[in-house]
């Protein structure tokens, strides 16, 4: 499965815009639910969320 398209949003944390970190949110146009458990196993420090399907890195 290859991604055909996506959009990304990079922003400051809404809770405290003065933080030196940034948030990056990717919105995918394809369903990648079957791949998420494999990404969780491959990415160190990530967390797999089962319901709703998603993850954090």
N, C-alpha and C. Protein backbone atom coordinates (compact mmCIF):
# COMPACT_ATOMS: atom_id res chain seq x y z
N UNK A 1 0.84 -1.16 0.00
CA UNK A 1 0.00 0.00 0.00
C UNK A 1 0.89 1.24 0.00
N UNK A 2 0.65 2.12 -0.93
CA UNK A 2 1.36 3.39 -0.99
C UNK A 2 0.37 4.53 -0.77
N UNK A 3 0.82 5.54 -0.07
CA UNK A 3 -0.03 6.71 0.12
C UNK A 3 -0.12 7.49 -1.18
N UNK A 4 -1.32 7.86 -1.54
CA UNK A 4 -1.51 8.64 -2.76
C UNK A 4 -1.47 10.13 -2.48
N UNK A 5 -1.98 10.52 -1.31
CA UNK A 5 -1.95 11.94 -0.95
C UNK A 5 -2.15 12.10 0.55
N UNK A 6 -1.71 13.23 1.07
CA UNK A 6 -1.88 13.58 2.47
C UNK A 6 -1.73 15.09 2.62
N UNK A 7 -2.18 15.59 3.74
CA UNK A 7 -1.95 16.98 4.09
C UNK A 7 -1.32 17.01 5.48
N UNK A 8 -0.52 18.02 5.74
CA UNK A 8 0.09 18.14 7.06
C UNK A 8 -0.12 19.54 7.60
N UNK A 9 -0.21 19.60 8.91
CA UNK A 9 -0.39 20.88 9.60
C UNK A 9 0.65 20.95 10.71
N UNK A 10 1.45 22.00 10.70
CA UNK A 10 2.46 22.21 11.74
C UNK A 10 2.04 23.45 12.51
N UNK A 11 1.93 23.30 13.83
CA UNK A 11 1.46 24.42 14.65
C UNK A 11 2.10 24.38 16.04
N UNK A 12 2.00 25.49 16.72
CA UNK A 12 2.42 25.57 18.12
C UNK A 12 1.35 24.90 18.98
N UNK A 13 1.72 24.38 20.15
CA UNK A 13 0.71 23.80 21.04
C UNK A 13 -0.36 24.83 21.40
N UNK A 14 -1.63 24.46 21.26
CA UNK A 14 -2.71 25.40 21.53
C UNK A 14 -2.83 25.72 23.01
N UNK A 15 -2.40 24.79 23.87
CA UNK A 15 -2.52 25.03 25.31
C UNK A 15 -1.52 26.08 25.79
N UNK A 16 -0.36 26.19 25.11
CA UNK A 16 0.64 27.19 25.49
C UNK A 16 1.49 27.51 24.26
N UNK A 17 1.11 28.50 23.46
CA UNK A 17 1.84 28.82 22.24
C UNK A 17 3.28 29.25 22.47
N UNK A 18 3.68 29.53 23.70
CA UNK A 18 5.04 29.93 24.00
C UNK A 18 6.01 28.77 24.11
N UNK A 19 5.51 27.53 24.12
CA UNK A 19 6.40 26.36 24.19
C UNK A 19 7.33 26.34 22.98
N UNK A 20 8.50 25.77 23.14
CA UNK A 20 9.46 25.69 22.04
C UNK A 20 9.24 24.48 21.14
N UNK A 21 8.26 23.66 21.44
CA UNK A 21 7.96 22.50 20.61
C UNK A 21 6.88 22.85 19.58
N UNK A 22 6.71 21.99 18.59
CA UNK A 22 5.65 22.15 17.60
C UNK A 22 4.88 20.84 17.48
N UNK A 23 3.65 20.93 17.02
CA UNK A 23 2.84 19.76 16.74
C UNK A 23 2.74 19.59 15.23
N UNK A 24 2.83 18.36 14.78
CA UNK A 24 2.65 18.06 13.36
C UNK A 24 1.53 17.04 13.24
N UNK A 25 0.48 17.39 12.53
CA UNK A 25 -0.65 16.50 12.31
C UNK A 25 -0.72 16.15 10.84
N UNK A 26 -0.73 14.86 10.54
CA UNK A 26 -0.85 14.40 9.15
C UNK A 26 -2.26 13.84 8.95
N UNK A 27 -2.90 14.26 7.91
CA UNK A 27 -4.23 13.74 7.57
C UNK A 27 -4.09 12.96 6.26
N UNK A 28 -4.41 11.68 6.36
CA UNK A 28 -4.25 10.78 5.21
C UNK A 28 -5.58 10.61 4.50
N UNK A 29 -5.52 10.53 3.17
CA UNK A 29 -6.73 10.34 2.38
C UNK A 29 -7.08 8.88 2.17
N UNK A 30 -6.23 7.97 2.64
CA UNK A 30 -6.47 6.54 2.50
C UNK A 30 -6.61 5.92 3.89
N UNK A 31 -7.29 4.77 3.96
CA UNK A 31 -7.43 4.04 5.21
C UNK A 31 -6.16 3.21 5.43
N UNK A 32 -5.44 3.49 6.52
CA UNK A 32 -4.23 2.74 6.82
C UNK A 32 -4.38 1.95 8.12
N UNK A 33 -5.63 1.69 8.51
CA UNK A 33 -5.90 1.00 9.76
C UNK A 33 -5.16 -0.33 9.91
N UNK A 34 -5.01 -1.08 8.81
CA UNK A 34 -4.34 -2.38 8.88
C UNK A 34 -2.84 -2.24 9.11
N UNK A 35 -2.28 -1.09 8.84
CA UNK A 35 -0.83 -0.89 8.95
C UNK A 35 -0.41 -0.34 10.32
N UNK A 36 -1.34 0.27 11.04
CA UNK A 36 -1.00 0.95 12.29
C UNK A 36 -0.29 0.04 13.30
N UNK A 37 -0.74 -1.20 13.54
CA UNK A 37 0.00 -2.04 14.50
C UNK A 37 1.46 -2.27 14.09
N UNK A 38 1.73 -2.37 12.80
CA UNK A 38 3.10 -2.56 12.33
C UNK A 38 3.93 -1.30 12.53
N UNK A 39 3.33 -0.14 12.32
CA UNK A 39 4.04 1.12 12.59
C UNK A 39 4.38 1.23 14.07
N UNK A 40 3.47 0.82 14.92
CA UNK A 40 3.70 0.86 16.35
C UNK A 40 4.91 0.02 16.72
N UNK A 41 5.05 -1.14 16.09
CA UNK A 41 6.17 -2.03 16.39
C UNK A 41 7.49 -1.49 15.85
N UNK A 42 7.43 -0.73 14.76
CA UNK A 42 8.65 -0.25 14.11
C UNK A 42 9.14 1.09 14.64
N UNK A 43 8.26 1.92 15.19
CA UNK A 43 8.64 3.25 15.64
C UNK A 43 8.85 3.26 17.15
N UNK A 44 10.05 3.56 17.59
CA UNK A 44 10.33 3.64 19.01
C UNK A 44 9.60 4.83 19.63
N UNK A 45 9.06 4.64 20.80
CA UNK A 45 8.41 5.72 21.51
C UNK A 45 7.02 6.05 20.98
N UNK A 46 6.46 5.19 20.16
CA UNK A 46 5.13 5.47 19.62
C UNK A 46 4.07 4.76 20.46
N UNK A 47 2.85 5.21 20.31
CA UNK A 47 1.74 4.61 21.03
C UNK A 47 0.61 4.34 20.04
N UNK A 48 0.12 3.11 20.03
CA UNK A 48 -0.97 2.69 19.14
C UNK A 48 -2.29 2.86 19.87
N UNK A 49 -3.21 3.55 19.25
CA UNK A 49 -4.55 3.76 19.81
C UNK A 49 -5.53 2.92 19.01
N UNK A 50 -6.21 2.00 19.70
CA UNK A 50 -7.07 1.05 19.00
C UNK A 50 -8.43 1.65 18.61
N UNK A 51 -9.03 2.46 19.48
CA UNK A 51 -10.35 2.98 19.19
C UNK A 51 -10.44 4.44 19.59
N UNK A 52 -10.46 5.38 18.70
CA UNK A 52 -10.39 5.23 17.25
C UNK A 52 -8.96 4.92 16.82
N UNK A 53 -8.81 4.24 15.68
CA UNK A 53 -7.46 3.87 15.24
C UNK A 53 -6.58 5.08 15.02
N UNK A 54 -5.41 5.04 15.56
CA UNK A 54 -4.48 6.15 15.40
C UNK A 54 -3.20 5.87 16.15
N UNK A 55 -2.36 6.86 16.24
CA UNK A 55 -1.12 6.68 16.96
C UNK A 55 -0.43 7.99 17.22
N UNK A 56 0.50 7.94 18.14
CA UNK A 56 1.32 9.10 18.44
C UNK A 56 2.78 8.69 18.38
N UNK A 57 3.62 9.60 17.99
CA UNK A 57 5.06 9.33 17.92
C UNK A 57 5.77 10.38 18.74
